[in-house]
Protein backbone atom coordinates (compact mmCIF):
# COMPACT_ATOMS: atom_id res chain seq x y z
CA UNK A 1 0.18 0.15 0.34
CA UNK A 2 1.25 3.54 -1.16
CA UNK A 3 2.64 5.62 1.98
CA UNK A 4 -0.47 8.51 1.07
CA UNK A 5 -3.14 5.26 0.76
CA UNK A 6 -1.91 4.52 4.42
CA UNK A 7 -2.72 7.80 5.94
CA UNK A 8 -6.13 8.00 4.25
CA UNK A 9 -6.74 4.82 5.58
CA UNK A 10 -5.75 5.57 8.95
CA UNK A 11 -7.79 8.87 8.75
CA UNK A 12 -11.15 6.93 8.38
CA UNK A 13 -10.61 4.17 10.22
CA UNK A 14 -9.14 5.92 13.61
CA UNK A 15 -6.20 3.60 13.32
CA UNK A 16 -3.09 4.89 14.94
CA UNK A 17 -0.44 5.11 11.95
CA UNK A 18 2.35 4.06 14.71
CA UNK A 19 0.56 0.63 15.24
CA UNK A 20 0.04 -0.50 11.78
CA UNK A 21 3.43 -0.11 10.94
CA UNK A 22 4.43 -2.30 14.34
CA UNK A 23 1.96 -4.91 13.41
CA UNK A 24 3.72 -5.10 9.99
CA UNK A 25 5.36 -8.43 8.74
CA UNK A 26 8.96 -8.37 8.99
CA UNK A 27 10.96 -10.79 7.35
CA UNK A 28 13.88 -11.73 9.71
CA UNK A 29 16.77 -13.28 7.57
CA UNK A 30 19.20 -15.10 9.34
CA UNK A 31 22.85 -15.49 9.28
CA UNK A 32 24.77 -18.21 9.54
CA UNK A 33 27.19 -17.45 12.41
CA UNK A 34 30.71 -17.12 11.61
CA UNK A 35 33.06 -19.90 13.14
CA UNK A 36 36.02 -18.39 15.57
CA UNK A 37 39.38 -18.16 13.84
CA UNK A 38 40.90 -19.77 16.55
CA UNK A 39 38.10 -22.94 16.41
CA UNK A 40 39.43 -26.05 15.67
CA UNK A 41 38.38 -27.59 12.47
CA UNK A 42 37.09 -31.12 11.74
CA UNK A 43 40.08 -32.62 10.81
CA UNK A 44 41.79 -30.95 13.77
CA UNK A 45 38.77 -32.36 16.58
CA UNK A 46 39.44 -35.82 15.13
CA UNK A 47 43.15 -35.51 16.02
CA UNK A 48 42.30 -34.89 19.70
CA UNK A 49 40.16 -37.66 19.43
CA UNK A 50 42.37 -39.79 18.51
CA UNK A 51 44.77 -38.93 21.45
CA UNK A 52 42.21 -39.71 23.71
CA UNK A 53 40.99 -42.74 22.99
CA UNK A 54 44.84 -44.19 23.16
CA UNK A 55 45.37 -46.68 25.35
CA UNK A 56 47.68 -44.98 28.24
CA UNK A 57 44.93 -42.57 27.93
CA UNK A 58 41.81 -45.21 28.29
CA UNK A 59 41.73 -44.68 32.26
CA UNK A 60 42.31 -41.12 32.59
CA UNK A 61 40.53 -37.49 32.75
CA UNK A 62 41.14 -35.11 30.27
CA UNK A 63 42.59 -33.10 32.48
CA UNK A 64 45.77 -35.99 33.23
CA UNK A 65 45.84 -36.20 29.62
CA UNK A 66 46.39 -32.42 29.39
CA UNK A 67 49.39 -32.66 32.24
CA UNK A 68 50.69 -35.60 30.28
CA UNK A 69 50.68 -33.73 26.95
CA UNK A 70 52.78 -30.45 28.41
CA UNK A 71 54.78 -32.90 29.95
CA UNK A 72 55.66 -34.28 26.35
CA UNK A 73 55.62 -30.95 24.86
CA UNK A 74 52.46 -31.27 22.79
CA UNK A 75 49.69 -28.85 22.94
CA UNK A 76 46.33 -29.72 21.14
CA UNK A 77 43.74 -27.70 23.00
CA UNK A 78 41.93 -26.35 26.02
CA UNK A 79 40.67 -29.23 28.66
CA UNK A 80 37.44 -27.73 28.02
CA UNK A 81 37.58 -28.13 24.36
CA UNK A 82 38.78 -31.67 25.20
CA UNK A 83 35.41 -32.03 27.17
CA UNK A 84 33.46 -30.54 24.23
CA UNK A 85 34.95 -33.18 22.08
CA UNK A 86 33.82 -36.20 24.03
CA UNK A 87 30.63 -35.01 24.59
CA UNK A 88 30.07 -34.51 21.23
CA UNK A 89 30.70 -38.49 20.68
CA UNK A 90 28.79 -39.25 23.82
CA UNK A 91 31.53 -40.11 25.37
CA UNK A 92 31.26 -38.11 28.69
CA UNK A 93 31.18 -41.18 30.75
CA UNK A 94 33.07 -43.66 32.92
CA UNK A 95 35.59 -44.51 30.13
CA UNK A 96 37.09 -47.44 31.92
CA UNK A 97 36.04 -51.23 31.03
CA UNK A 98 34.84 -51.76 34.19
CA UNK A 99 32.77 -55.44 34.59
CA UNK A 100 28.77 -54.76 35.83
CA UNK A 101 27.69 -56.82 38.33
CA UNK A 102 24.94 -58.37 37.10
CA UNK A 103 21.74 -58.19 39.63
CA UNK A 104 21.13 -61.04 41.84
CA UNK A 105 19.45 -62.95 44.38
CA UNK A 106 21.38 -63.01 48.20
CA UNK A 107 21.90 -66.11 48.99
CA UNK A 108 19.75 -67.24 52.00
CA UNK A 109 19.70 -70.72 54.08
CA UNK A 110 16.03 -72.25 54.32
CA UNK A 111 15.43 -74.65 57.83
CA UNK A 112 12.58 -77.14 56.99
CA UNK A 113 12.88 -78.73 60.33
CA UNK A 114 15.32 -78.72 63.50
CA UNK A 115 18.94 -78.05 63.56
CA UNK A 116 19.51 -77.74 59.75
CA UNK A 117 20.50 -74.31 60.28
CA UNK A 118 23.06 -73.52 62.64
CA UNK A 119 23.97 -69.39 63.43
CA UNK A 120 26.96 -67.50 65.64
CA UNK A 121 24.04 -64.61 66.45
CA UNK A 122 20.30 -65.34 65.75
CA UNK A 123 18.88 -61.95 67.03
CA UNK A 124 17.69 -61.46 63.48
CA UNK A 125 17.09 -65.18 62.33
CA UNK A 126 14.01 -64.91 60.46
CA UNK A 127 11.26 -67.06 61.26
CA UNK A 128 8.04 -68.89 59.41
CA UNK A 129 5.94 -65.68 59.66
CA UNK A 130 6.77 -62.41 58.53
CA UNK A 131 8.23 -59.97 60.74
CA UNK A 132 9.10 -62.78 63.38
CA UNK A 133 12.14 -63.31 64.33
CA UNK A 134 13.75 -66.26 66.46
CA UNK A 135 15.87 -65.01 69.88
CA UNK A 136 18.50 -66.73 71.96
CA UNK A 137 16.67 -68.24 74.97
CA UNK A 138 13.09 -68.02 73.12
CA UNK A 139 11.25 -70.65 72.21
CA UNK A 140 8.31 -70.02 69.92
CA UNK A 141 5.46 -72.90 69.25
CA UNK A 142 5.26 -74.05 66.04
CA UNK A 143 1.71 -74.60 63.84
CA UNK A 144 1.55 -78.62 64.80
CA UNK A 145 2.07 -77.35 68.92
CA UNK A 146 -0.68 -75.03 68.46
CA UNK A 147 -3.31 -77.35 66.88
CA UNK A 148 -2.55 -80.32 69.50
CA UNK A 149 -2.99 -77.54 71.98
CA UNK A 150 -6.23 -76.59 70.21
CA UNK A 151 -7.31 -81.06 70.90
CA UNK A 152 -5.18 -81.42 73.93
CA UNK A 153 -5.10 -85.52 74.45
CA UNK A 154 -6.32 -87.12 77.46
CA UNK A 155 -2.00 -88.24 78.51
CA UNK A 156 0.08 -86.31 76.89
CA UNK A 157 3.29 -88.26 76.89
CA UNK A 158 6.55 -89.29 74.42
CA UNK A 159 4.59 -91.85 72.67
CA UNK A 160 1.94 -89.75 71.91
CA UNK A 161 4.37 -86.44 70.55
CA UNK A 162 6.17 -89.32 68.18
CA UNK A 163 3.16 -88.91 66.44
CA UNK A 164 3.87 -86.07 65.27
CA UNK A 165 6.14 -86.19 62.35
CA UNK A 166 8.17 -82.95 62.57
CA UNK A 167 8.55 -83.70 67.10
CA UNK A 168 9.64 -87.36 65.23
CA UNK A 169 12.63 -85.90 63.45
CA UNK A 170 13.42 -83.59 65.94
CA UNK A 171 13.51 -86.56 68.82
CA UNK A 172 15.43 -88.92 66.77
CA UNK A 173 18.08 -86.47 65.11
CA UNK A 174 20.57 -87.43 67.19
CA UNK A 175 20.13 -91.00 68.08
CA UNK A 176 19.94 -94.41 66.28
CA UNK A 177 16.47 -95.30 64.51
CA UNK A 178 16.30 -98.64 67.22
CA UNK A 179 16.24 -96.15 70.32
CA UNK A 180 13.41 -94.32 68.18
CA UNK A 181 11.78 -97.67 68.09
CA UNK A 182 12.33 -99.11 71.36
CA UNK A 183 10.94 -95.81 72.61
CA UNK A 184 7.32 -96.23 70.72
CA UNK A 185 7.17 -99.90 71.42
CA UNK A 186 8.06 -98.95 75.39
CA UNK A 187 4.53 -98.92 76.13
CA UNK A 188 3.35 -101.90 74.49
CA UNK A 189 1.32 -103.94 77.06
CA UNK A 190 3.62 -106.99 76.18
CA UNK A 191 7.25 -105.16 77.61
CA UNK A 192 8.69 -105.67 80.99
CA UNK A 193 8.30 -102.64 83.33
CA UNK A 194 12.59 -102.96 83.27
CA UNK A 195 12.05 -102.61 79.20
CA UNK A 196 10.30 -99.24 79.76
CA UNK A 197 12.24 -97.53 81.78
CA UNK A 198 15.25 -98.66 79.63
CA UNK A 199 13.42 -97.29 76.83
CA UNK A 200 12.92 -93.98 78.44
CA UNK A 201 16.52 -93.66 80.23
CA UNK A 202 17.56 -94.11 76.82
CA UNK A 203 15.36 -91.72 74.84
CA UNK A 204 16.62 -89.33 77.89
CA UNK A 205 19.84 -89.66 77.23
CA UNK A 206 19.50 -88.95 73.26
CA UNK A 207 18.06 -85.82 74.56
CA UNK A 208 20.57 -84.95 76.92
CA UNK A 209 23.29 -85.84 74.41
CA UNK A 210 21.63 -83.03 72.18
CA UNK A 211 21.22 -80.70 74.68
CA UNK A 212 24.96 -80.87 75.70
CA UNK A 213 26.06 -80.12 72.20
CA UNK A 214 24.05 -77.44 71.77
CA UNK A 215 25.32 -75.66 75.16
CA UNK A 216 29.10 -76.00 73.94
CA UNK A 217 28.08 -74.28 70.61
CA UNK A 218 26.66 -71.18 72.52
CA UNK A 219 29.62 -70.57 74.63
CA UNK A 220 32.80 -69.19 72.96
CA UNK A 221 36.57 -71.21 72.17
CA UNK A 222 38.09 -70.23 75.92
CA UNK A 223 34.82 -72.74 77.36
CA UNK A 224 35.19 -74.84 74.61
CA UNK A 225 38.89 -75.65 75.98
CA UNK A 226 38.40 -75.43 79.90
CA UNK A 227 35.94 -78.37 78.87
CA UNK A 228 38.43 -80.35 77.12
CA UNK A 229 40.36 -80.00 80.43
CA UNK A 230 37.67 -80.88 82.50
CA UNK A 231 37.08 -84.12 80.90
CA UNK A 232 40.54 -84.86 80.26
CA UNK A 233 41.23 -84.96 84.19
CA UNK A 234 37.99 -86.50 84.72
CA UNK A 235 38.97 -89.11 82.59
CA UNK A 236 42.24 -89.66 84.62
CA UNK A 237 44.86 -87.40 82.57
CA UNK A 238 47.06 -84.70 82.92
CA UNK A 239 47.34 -85.77 87.28
CA UNK A 240 45.27 -82.57 88.49
CA UNK A 241 43.64 -79.97 87.03
CA UNK A 242 45.62 -77.20 87.55
CA UNK A 243 48.53 -79.32 85.42
CA UNK A 244 46.38 -80.17 82.29
CA UNK A 245 45.26 -76.72 82.18
CA UNK A 246 48.73 -75.55 82.20
CA UNK A 247 49.32 -78.34 79.72
CA UNK A 248 46.77 -77.75 77.51
CA UNK A 249 47.40 -75.07 74.42
CA UNK A 250 50.75 -74.65 75.64
CA UNK A 251 52.53 -75.27 72.59
CA UNK A 252 50.58 -74.10 69.74
CA UNK A 253 52.83 -74.98 66.60
CA UNK A 254 52.17 -77.43 63.74
CA UNK A 255 48.78 -78.05 64.42
CA UNK A 256 48.70 -79.12 67.39
CA UNK A 257 46.42 -77.13 70.48
CA UNK A 258 48.04 -78.72 73.51
CA UNK A 259 50.04 -81.60 75.22
CA UNK A 260 49.00 -83.09 78.57
CA UNK A 261 50.44 -85.85 81.39
CA UNK A 262 48.71 -89.30 80.22
CA UNK A 263 49.48 -90.42 84.36
CA UNK A 264 50.58 -88.20 87.46
CA UNK A 265 53.99 -88.91 86.74
CA UNK A 266 54.57 -87.75 83.39
CA UNK A 267 56.15 -90.74 82.00
CA UNK A 268 54.46 -90.39 78.55
CA UNK A 269 52.25 -87.90 76.91
CA UNK A 270 49.07 -87.09 74.58
CA UNK A 271 48.51 -84.51 72.30
CA UNK A 272 45.58 -82.97 71.73
CA UNK A 273 43.55 -81.14 68.57
CA UNK A 274 40.17 -79.41 69.13
CA UNK A 275 38.25 -78.35 66.69
CA UNK A 276 34.77 -76.38 67.55
CA UNK A 277 32.48 -76.96 64.30
CA UNK A 278 28.99 -76.47 64.09
CA UNK A 279 27.02 -79.07 62.88
CA UNK A 280 27.05 -80.26 59.27
CA UNK A 281 30.51 -78.92 59.26
CA UNK A 282 33.22 -82.32 59.25
CA UNK A 283 36.39 -82.53 59.64
CA UNK A 284 37.96 -84.08 56.57
CA UNK A 285 41.35 -86.24 56.15
CA UNK A 286 43.38 -82.66 55.60
CA UNK A 287 42.93 -81.89 59.40
CA UNK A 288 43.46 -84.96 60.40
CA UNK A 289 46.58 -85.50 57.99
CA UNK A 290 47.84 -82.45 59.40
CA UNK A 291 47.77 -83.13 62.75
CA UNK A 292 49.44 -86.13 62.37
CA UNK A 293 52.21 -84.65 60.76
CA UNK A 294 52.69 -82.63 63.89
CA UNK A 295 53.02 -86.13 65.46
CA UNK A 296 55.45 -87.05 63.65
CA UNK A 297 57.33 -83.99 63.68
CA UNK A 298 57.22 -83.95 67.50
CA UNK A 299 58.44 -87.58 68.26
CA UNK A 300 55.06 -88.58 70.04
CA UNK A 301 52.93 -91.45 68.81
CA UNK A 302 49.58 -90.51 70.87
CA UNK A 303 47.05 -87.70 69.71
CA UNK A 304 43.68 -86.73 70.61
CA UNK A 305 41.28 -85.50 67.70
CA UNK A 306 38.55 -83.53 69.43
CA UNK A 307 35.51 -81.59 67.36
CA UNK A 308 31.53 -80.74 68.43
CA UNK A 309 30.47 -81.99 64.32
CA UNK A 310 31.85 -85.00 62.57
CA UNK A 311 34.44 -86.81 60.83
CA UNK A 312 34.49 -87.50 57.56
CA UNK A 313 35.22 -91.45 55.87
CA UNK A 314 38.10 -90.55 55.00
CA UNK A 315 39.18 -89.12 57.79
CA UNK A 316 38.41 -92.02 60.06
CA UNK A 317 40.29 -94.74 57.42
CA UNK A 318 43.37 -92.53 57.04
CA UNK A 319 43.49 -92.25 61.24
CA UNK A 320 42.47 -96.25 61.37
CA UNK A 321 45.60 -96.45 59.17
CA UNK A 322 48.66 -94.98 60.31
CA UNK A 323 51.15 -96.14 62.98
CA UNK A 324 50.65 -93.67 65.10
CA UNK A 325 47.39 -94.02 67.99
CA UNK A 326 45.32 -90.93 66.98
CA UNK A 327 41.69 -91.24 68.88
CA UNK A 328 38.79 -89.07 66.67
CA UNK A 329 36.24 -87.99 69.37
CA UNK A 330 33.32 -86.42 67.50
CA UNK A 331 30.25 -84.33 69.47
CA UNK A 332 28.37 -87.43 69.62
CA UNK A 333 31.40 -89.70 71.32
CA UNK A 334 32.27 -86.31 73.41
CA UNK A 335 28.52 -85.59 75.17
CA UNK A 336 28.74 -89.26 75.81
CA UNK A 337 32.29 -88.71 77.29
CA UNK A 338 30.49 -85.71 79.25
CA UNK A 339 27.62 -87.93 80.32
CA UNK A 340 29.58 -91.02 81.61
CA UNK A 341 32.28 -89.24 83.43
CA UNK A 342 30.05 -86.42 84.94
CA UNK A 343 31.39 -83.34 83.23
CA UNK A 344 28.42 -80.73 82.76
CA UNK A 345 26.01 -82.84 83.90
CA UNK A 346 24.37 -83.88 87.85
CA UNK A 347 21.98 -86.68 88.56
CA UNK A 348 18.32 -85.51 88.49
CA UNK A 349 16.79 -88.87 90.12
CA UNK A 350 18.17 -92.14 90.85
CA UNK A 351 16.26 -94.98 90.53
CA UNK A 352 17.15 -98.52 92.61
CA UNK A 353 15.72 -101.70 91.62
CA UNK A 354 15.44 -104.38 94.27
CA UNK A 355 15.17 -108.10 93.97
CA UNK A 356 14.30 -111.25 95.54
CA UNK A 357 17.16 -112.44 97.64
CA UNK A 358 17.00 -116.00 97.47
CA UNK A 359 19.77 -116.60 99.75
CA UNK A 360 18.04 -115.10 102.63
CA UNK A 361 14.34 -117.43 101.93
CA UNK A 362 16.51 -120.93 101.97
CA UNK A 363 16.26 -122.84 104.87
CA UNK A 364 19.39 -124.16 106.20
């Protein structure tokens, strides 16, 4: 529109001409920005990237690379330019070749019955119910026990408890099958009173052995060493408790924990090795073989290897074939010796059976 016509149109419409000019469409021409005269060319940028890809710089930051190149008398670009070049190639990240560990489930031991999982600290040992944890010195009733309380029997005895699979598995964990069978048949009408009492006695001894082993594992290594001293003195070794305590744990070399006198005069000596293991961890042949080698090095012929767990068949076979006399005492034998010699136990009740004295009733 010509300029004169614009003026006439603004007068006719009452529009301010300045607004008309401000609303007019303007064509903006964008001119490309001229590169800086000091900018790197594509060839120079590729050269810098090749230097950053060198093997010696694979695990170093641009600041370190920049310093090394200056020490060599080379200057390619600034540190910030190195970062710009790396960012343009999507390489501003961890440039080292690190191993990426996959996500995996944390290993967890699951017990489906008694005496299957052992722990040093059970303050956070998970139970079968979510949010329920077991602690030391506390007992929790099982679903089988809850069901038994809901329908209590007329007489609750060992024979009735053996009908519960969970209790039967716990009861026979540390005793032979014939002992459980004798206990189950102990109340049969054909059994004599002596047989019933003997079956109950065997069951009580088996439960006592299990409880003894649990109490031993609950205490520390110092207690276990004192227990071995008490047991050896009760069996007649070491002379006295003080002499045995002075000998045990004195040598401490070559896999030997201690040495005690076989008699009061000390005419012969017996070397002792003690391993406090949890059930399920067997002592293998290498441990017994190392103990035997220590005996040979000390010029000894007699040794006692004591553990709270068991010995592997290979270890038992090795101890039987060597010329040295090495006695293996596992957890079961240890508790039997403790009961036999009165170590850690006391008499709760003594039953004495009386029989007819036939000689008294014979007339002369």
